[in-house]
Amino acid sequence: MEAKMKAVFTIVEGEKLEKPLFRRIGTGFVNRDQSLNIFLDALPVSGKLHIRDVEPRKDDAREHG
């Protein structure tokens, strides 16, 4: 079974921002029992994390297509 990678983001909000900013701060991996291992490169100051499947980059598709 192939490991499913997850992207880990922190959510930055501020009065001067039109909408929240999602800044990638780590990577996660789904284990066989569906639990997660999360590896952070930074700590979220807000305490908020957003975890989602890694999407192929658009520029990668052009190189291989």
PDB file of N, CA and C in Angstrom:
ATOM      1  N   MET A   1       0.841  -1.188   0.000  1.00  0.00           N
ATOM      2  CA  MET A   1       0.000   0.000   0.000  1.00  0.00           C
ATOM      3  C   MET A   1       0.886   1.251   0.000  1.00  0.00           C
ATOM      4  N   GLU A   2       0.606   2.151  -0.881  1.00  0.00           N
ATOM      5  CA  GLU A   2       1.389   3.381  -0.996  1.00  0.00           C
ATOM      6  C   GLU A   2       1.004   4.355   0.112  1.00  0.00           C
ATOM      7  N   ALA A   3       2.017   4.989   0.723  1.00  0.00           N
ATOM      8  CA  ALA A   3       1.753   5.977   1.772  1.00  0.00           C
ATOM      9  C   ALA A   3       1.113   7.215   1.157  1.00  0.00           C
ATOM     10  N   LYS A   4       0.056   7.689   1.791  1.00  0.00           N
ATOM     11  CA  LYS A   4      -0.637   8.888   1.322  1.00  0.00           C
ATOM     12  C   LYS A   4      -0.065  10.080   2.055  1.00  0.00           C
ATOM     13  N   MET A   5       0.550  10.994   1.296  1.00  0.00           N
ATOM     14  CA  MET A   5       1.141  12.186   1.901  1.00  0.00           C
ATOM     15  C   MET A   5       0.088  13.253   2.136  1.00  0.00           C
ATOM     16  N   LYS A   6       0.289  13.991   3.200  1.00  0.00           N
ATOM     17  CA  LYS A   6      -0.569  15.117   3.554  1.00  0.00           C
ATOM     18  C   LYS A   6       0.289  16.370   3.675  1.00  0.00           C
ATOM     19  N   ALA A   7      -0.261  17.487   3.311  1.00  0.00           N
ATOM     20  CA  ALA A   7       0.394  18.779   3.507  1.00  0.00           C
ATOM     21  C   ALA A   7      -0.174  19.390   4.780  1.00  0.00           C
ATOM     22  N   VAL A   8       0.690  19.960   5.602  1.00  0.00           N
ATOM     23  CA  VAL A   8       0.278  20.563   6.874  1.00  0.00           C
ATOM     24  C   VAL A   8       0.499  22.069   6.779  1.00  0.00           C
ATOM     25  N   PHE A   9      -0.558  22.818   7.052  1.00  0.00           N
ATOM     26  CA  PHE A   9      -0.516  24.277   6.963  1.00  0.00           C
ATOM     27  C   PHE A   9      -0.900  24.889   8.302  1.00  0.00           C
ATOM     28  N   THR A  10      -0.400  26.084   8.579  1.00  0.00           N
ATOM     29  CA  THR A  10      -0.918  26.901   9.667  1.00  0.00           C
ATOM     30  C   THR A  10      -1.759  28.002   9.025  1.00  0.00           C
ATOM     31  N   ILE A  11      -2.756  28.452   9.734  1.00  0.00           N
ATOM     32  CA  ILE A  11      -3.661  29.476   9.220  1.00  0.00           C
ATOM     33  C   ILE A  11      -3.298  30.807   9.875  1.00  0.00           C
ATOM     34  N   VAL A  12      -2.910  31.769   9.036  1.00  0.00           N
ATOM     35  CA  VAL A  12      -2.523  33.103   9.522  1.00  0.00           C
ATOM     36  C   VAL A  12      -3.665  34.060   9.201  1.00  0.00           C
ATOM     37  N   GLU A  13      -4.168  34.727  10.235  1.00  0.00           N
ATOM     38  CA  GLU A  13      -5.251  35.690  10.049  1.00  0.00           C
ATOM     39  C   GLU A  13      -4.790  37.049  10.574  1.00  0.00           C
ATOM     40  N   GLY A  14      -5.275  38.094   9.957  1.00  0.00           N
ATOM     41  CA  GLY A  14      -4.918  39.427  10.413  1.00  0.00           C
ATOM     42  C   GLY A  14      -5.849  40.469   9.835  1.00  0.00           C
ATOM     43  N   GLU A  15      -5.909  41.605  10.499  1.00  0.00           N
ATOM     44  CA  GLU A  15      -6.790  42.692  10.051  1.00  0.00           C
ATOM     45  C   GLU A  15      -6.409  43.200   8.670  1.00  0.00           C
ATOM     46  N   LYS A  16      -5.125  43.177   8.348  1.00  0.00           N
ATOM     47  CA  LYS A  16      -4.664  43.703   7.073  1.00  0.00           C
ATOM     48  C   LYS A  16      -4.786  42.699   5.922  1.00  0.00           C
ATOM     49  N   LEU A  17      -5.159  41.466   6.243  1.00  0.00           N
ATOM     50  CA  LEU A  17      -5.312  40.434   5.212  1.00  0.00           C
ATOM     51  C   LEU A  17      -6.765  40.360   4.762  1.00  0.00           C
ATOM     52  N   GLU A  18      -6.976  40.275   3.442  1.00  0.00           N
ATOM     53  CA  GLU A  18      -8.341  40.128   2.908  1.00  0.00           C
ATOM     54  C   GLU A  18      -8.955  38.800   3.319  1.00  0.00           C
ATOM     55  N   LYS A  19      -8.144  37.741   3.284  1.00  0.00           N
ATOM     56  CA  LYS A  19      -8.605  36.408   3.657  1.00  0.00           C
ATOM     57  C   LYS A  19      -7.469  35.697   4.386  1.00  0.00           C
ATOM     58  N   PRO A  20      -7.768  34.639   5.134  1.00  0.00           N
ATOM     59  CA  PRO A  20      -6.713  33.922   5.860  1.00  0.00           C
ATOM     60  C   PRO A  20      -5.643  33.399   4.905  1.00  0.00           C
ATOM     61  N   LEU A  21      -4.410  33.360   5.394  1.00  0.00           N
ATOM     62  CA  LEU A  21      -3.271  32.881   4.629  1.00  0.00           C
ATOM     63  C   LEU A  21      -2.912  31.486   5.133  1.00  0.00           C
ATOM     64  N   PHE A  22      -2.794  30.526   4.217  1.00  0.00           N
ATOM     65  CA  PHE A  22      -2.421  29.166   4.579  1.00  0.00           C
ATOM     66  C   PHE A  22      -0.945  28.985   4.248  1.00  0.00           C
ATOM     67  N   ARG A  23      -0.108  28.831   5.280  1.00  0.00           N
ATOM     68  CA  ARG A  23       1.336  28.702   5.096  1.00  0.00           C
ATOM     69  C   ARG A  23       1.751  27.268   5.431  1.00  0.00           C
ATOM     70  N   ARG A  24       2.382  26.595   4.459  1.00  0.00           N
ATOM     71  CA  ARG A  24       2.781  25.206   4.683  1.00  0.00           C
ATOM     72  C   ARG A  24       3.933  25.148   5.675  1.00  0.00           C
ATOM     73  N   ILE A  25       3.758  24.283   6.705  1.00  0.00           N
ATOM     74  CA  ILE A  25       4.792  24.169   7.733  1.00  0.00           C
ATOM     75  C   ILE A  25       5.201  22.725   7.995  1.00  0.00           C
ATOM     76  N   GLY A  26       4.698  21.790   7.189  1.00  0.00           N
ATOM     77  CA  GLY A  26       5.096  20.408   7.433  1.00  0.00           C
ATOM     78  C   GLY A  26       4.435  19.420   6.494  1.00  0.00           C
ATOM     79  N   THR A  27       4.685  18.131   6.797  1.00  0.00           N
ATOM     80  CA  THR A  27       4.180  17.035   5.988  1.00  0.00           C
ATOM     81  C   THR A  27       3.661  15.953   6.915  1.00  0.00           C
ATOM     82  N   GLY A  28       2.638  15.260   6.468  1.00  0.00           N
ATOM     83  CA  GLY A  28       2.084  14.152   7.235  1.00  0.00           C
ATOM     84  C   GLY A  28       1.986  12.900   6.379  1.00  0.00           C
ATOM     85  N   PHE A  29       1.935  11.752   7.048  1.00  0.00           N
ATOM     86  CA  PHE A  29       1.812  10.475   6.363  1.00  0.00           C
ATOM     87  C   PHE A  29       0.751   9.643   7.060  1.00  0.00           C
ATOM     88  N   VAL A  30      -0.100   8.981   6.275  1.00  0.00           N
ATOM     89  CA  VAL A  30      -1.145   8.115   6.808  1.00  0.00           C
ATOM     90  C   VAL A  30      -0.549   6.723   7.020  1.00  0.00           C
ATOM     91  N   ASN A  31      -0.728   6.185   8.215  1.00  0.00           N
ATOM     92  CA  ASN A  31      -0.254   4.843   8.542  1.00  0.00           C
ATOM     93  C   ASN A  31      -1.280   3.793   8.126  1.00  0.00           C
ATOM     94  N   ARG A  32      -0.878   2.536   8.192  1.00  0.00           N
ATOM     95  CA  ARG A  32      -1.779   1.435   7.804  1.00  0.00           C
ATOM     96  C   ARG A  32      -3.075   1.431   8.605  1.00  0.00           C
ATOM     97  N   ASP A  33      -3.002   1.854   9.871  1.00  0.00           N
ATOM     98  CA  ASP A  33      -4.199   1.872  10.712  1.00  0.00           C
ATOM     99  C   ASP A  33      -4.960   3.194  10.616  1.00  0.00           C
ATOM    100  N   GLN A  34      -4.615   4.016   9.603  1.00  0.00           N
ATOM    101  CA  GLN A  34      -5.244   5.308   9.319  1.00  0.00           C
ATOM    102  C   GLN A  34      -4.883   6.399  10.327  1.00  0.00           C
ATOM    103  N   SER A  35      -3.943   6.135  11.249  1.00  0.00           N
ATOM    104  CA  SER A  35      -3.440   7.198  12.108  1.00  0.00           C
ATOM    105  C   SER A  35      -2.459   8.042  11.289  1.00  0.00           C
ATOM    106  N   LEU A  36      -2.048   9.181  11.830  1.00  0.00           N
ATOM    107  CA  LEU A  36      -1.166  10.094  11.100  1.00  0.00           C
ATOM    108  C   LEU A  36       0.147  10.302  11.823  1.00  0.00           C
ATOM    109  N   ASN A  37       1.229  10.398  11.065  1.00  0.00           N
ATOM    110  CA  ASN A  37       2.508  10.899  11.561  1.00  0.00           C
ATOM    111  C   ASN A  37       2.676  12.271  10.941  1.00  0.00           C
ATOM    112  N   ILE A  38       2.891  13.287  11.771  1.00  0.00           N
ATOM    113  CA  ILE A  38       3.031  14.660  11.309  1.00  0.00           C
ATOM    114  C   ILE A  38       4.438  15.147  11.649  1.00  0.00           C
ATOM    115  N   PHE A  39       5.131  15.697  10.641  1.00  0.00           N
ATOM    116  CA  PHE A  39       6.472  16.234  10.818  1.00  0.00           C
ATOM    117  C   PHE A  39       6.406  17.733  10.525  1.00  0.00           C
ATOM    118  N   LEU A  40       6.627  18.543  11.564  1.00  0.00           N
ATOM    119  CA  LEU A  40       6.533  19.999  11.429  1.00  0.00           C
ATOM    120  C   LEU A  40       7.912  20.624  11.285  1.00  0.00           C
ATOM    121  N   ASP A  41       8.013  21.595  10.380  1.00  0.00           N
ATOM    122  CA  ASP A  41       9.227  22.381  10.202  1.00  0.00           C
ATOM    123  C   ASP A  41       9.142  23.684  10.990  1.00  0.00           C
ATOM    124  N   ALA A  42       7.952  24.017  11.471  1.00  0.00           N
ATOM    125  CA  ALA A  42       7.707  25.223  12.261  1.00  0.00           C
ATOM    126  C   ALA A  42       6.522  24.944  13.171  1.00  0.00           C
ATOM    127  N   LEU A  43       6.373  25.749  14.201  1.00  0.00           N
ATOM    128  CA  LEU A  43       5.234  25.597  15.108  1.00  0.00           C
ATOM    129  C   LEU A  43       4.207  26.685  14.817  1.00  0.00           C
ATOM    130  N   PRO A  44       2.929  26.316  14.806  1.00  0.00           N
ATOM    131  CA  PRO A  44       1.892  27.315  14.539  1.00  0.00           C
ATOM    132  C   PRO A  44       1.677  28.222  15.745  1.00  0.00           C
ATOM    133  N   VAL A  45       1.887  29.504  15.565  1.00  0.00           N
ATOM    134  CA  VAL A  45       1.697  30.469  16.649  1.00  0.00           C
ATOM    135  C   VAL A  45       0.226  30.513  17.053  1.00  0.00           C
ATOM    136  N   SER A  46      -0.660  30.403  16.053  1.00  0.00           N
ATOM    137  CA  SER A  46      -2.100  30.480  16.319  1.00  0.00           C
ATOM    138  C   SER A  46      -2.644  29.201  16.946  1.00  0.00           C
ATOM    139  N   GLY A  47      -1.899  28.111  16.848  1.00  0.00           N
ATOM    140  CA  GLY A  47      -2.388  26.827  17.341  1.00  0.00           C
ATOM    141  C   GLY A  47      -3.293  26.127  16.349  1.00  0.00           C
ATOM    142  N   LYS A  48      -3.474  26.703  15.163  1.00  0.00           N
ATOM    143  CA  LYS A  48      -4.360  26.131  14.149  1.00  0.00           C
ATOM    144  C   LYS A  48      -3.556  25.389  13.091  1.00  0.00           C
ATOM    145  N   LEU A  49      -3.977  24.169  12.786  1.00  0.00           N
ATOM    146  CA  LEU A  49      -3.389  23.401  11.698  1.00  0.00           C
ATOM    147  C   LEU A  49      -4.477  23.019  10.714  1.00  0.00           C
ATOM    148  N   HIS A  50      -4.102  22.964   9.455  1.00  0.00           N
ATOM    149  CA  HIS A  50      -5.001  22.523   8.384  1.00  0.00           C
ATOM    150  C   HIS A  50      -4.234  21.433   7.649  1.00  0.00           C
ATOM    151  N   ILE A  51      -4.811  20.227   7.575  1.00  0.00           N
ATOM    152  CA  ILE A  51      -4.130  19.092   6.953  1.00  0.00           C
ATOM    153  C   ILE A  51      -4.971  18.604   5.785  1.00  0.00           C
ATOM    154  N   ARG A  52      -4.320  18.470   4.616  1.00  0.00           N
ATOM    155  CA  ARG A  52      -5.037  18.012   3.417  1.00  0.00           C
ATOM    156  C   ARG A  52      -4.114  17.162   2.566  1.00  0.00           C
ATOM    157  N   ASP A  53      -4.711  16.393   1.630  1.00  0.00           N
ATOM    158  CA  ASP A  53      -3.932  15.580   0.703  1.00  0.00           C
ATOM    159  C   ASP A  53      -3.012  16.472  -0.120  1.00  0.00           C
ATOM    160  N   VAL A  54      -1.835  15.964  -0.431  1.00  0.00           N
ATOM    161  CA  VAL A  54      -0.902  16.688  -1.295  1.00  0.00           C
ATOM    162  C   VAL A  54      -1.425  16.617  -2.719  1.00  0.00           C
ATOM    163  N   GLU A  55      -1.553  17.766  -3.350  1.00  0.00           N
ATOM    164  CA  GLU A  55      -2.005  17.864  -4.741  1.00  0.00           C
ATOM    165  C   GLU A  55      -0.776  17.988  -5.645  1.00  0.00           C
ATOM    166  N   PRO A  56      -0.785  17.305  -6.791  1.00  0.00           N
ATOM    167  CA  PRO A  56       0.341  17.490  -7.724  1.00  0.00           C
ATOM    168  C   PRO A  56       0.421  18.948  -8.154  1.00  0.00           C
ATOM    169  N   ARG A  57       1.642  19.463  -8.249  1.00  0.00           N
ATOM    170  CA  ARG A  57       1.822  20.855  -8.663  1.00  0.00           C
ATOM    171  C   ARG A  57       1.485  20.995 -10.141  1.00  0.00           C
ATOM    172  N   LYS A  58       0.880  22.112 -10.497  1.00  0.00           N
ATOM    173  CA  LYS A  58       0.481  22.349 -11.889  1.00  0.00           C
ATOM    174  C   LYS A  58       1.667  22.370 -12.826  1.00  0.00           C
ATOM    175  N   ASP A  59       2.805  22.918 -12.380  1.00  0.00           N
ATOM    176  CA  ASP A  59       3.979  22.968 -13.259  1.00  0.00           C
ATOM    177  C   ASP A  59       4.590  21.581 -13.461  1.00  0.00           C
ATOM    178  N   ASP A  60       4.387  20.631 -12.500  1.00  0.00           N
ATOM    179  CA  ASP A  60       4.859  19.267 -12.672  1.00  0.00           C
ATOM    180  C   ASP A  60       4.107  18.560 -13.784  1.00  0.00           C
ATOM    181  N   ALA A  61       2.801  18.822 -13.913  1.00  0.00           N
ATOM    182  CA  ALA A  61       1.981  18.188 -14.938  1.00  0.00           C
ATOM    183  C   ALA A  61       2.443  18.595 -16.326  1.00  0.00           C
ATOM    184  N   ARG A  62       2.841  19.853 -16.489  1.00  0.00           N
ATOM    185  CA  ARG A  62       3.303  20.335 -17.793  1.00  0.00           C
ATOM    186  C   ARG A  62       4.610  19.665 -18.204  1.00  0.00           C
ATOM    187  N   GLU A  63       5.492  19.394 -17.227  1.00  0.00           N
ATOM    188  CA  GLU A  63       6.769  18.789 -17.543  1.00  0.00           C
ATOM    189  C   GLU A  63       6.625  17.337 -17.977  1.00  0.00           C
ATOM    190  N   HIS A  64       5.624  16.632 -17.428  1.00  0.00           N
ATOM    191  CA  HIS A  64       5.444  15.220 -17.730  1.00  0.00           C
ATOM    192  C   HIS A  64       4.368  14.956 -18.757  1.00  0.00           C
ATOM    193  N   GLY A  65       3.657  15.986 -19.203  1.00  0.00           N
ATOM    194  CA  GLY A  65       2.511  15.772 -20.071  1.00  0.00           C
ATOM    195  C   GLY A  65       2.852  16.010 -21.476  1.00  0.00           C
TER     196      GLY A  65
END
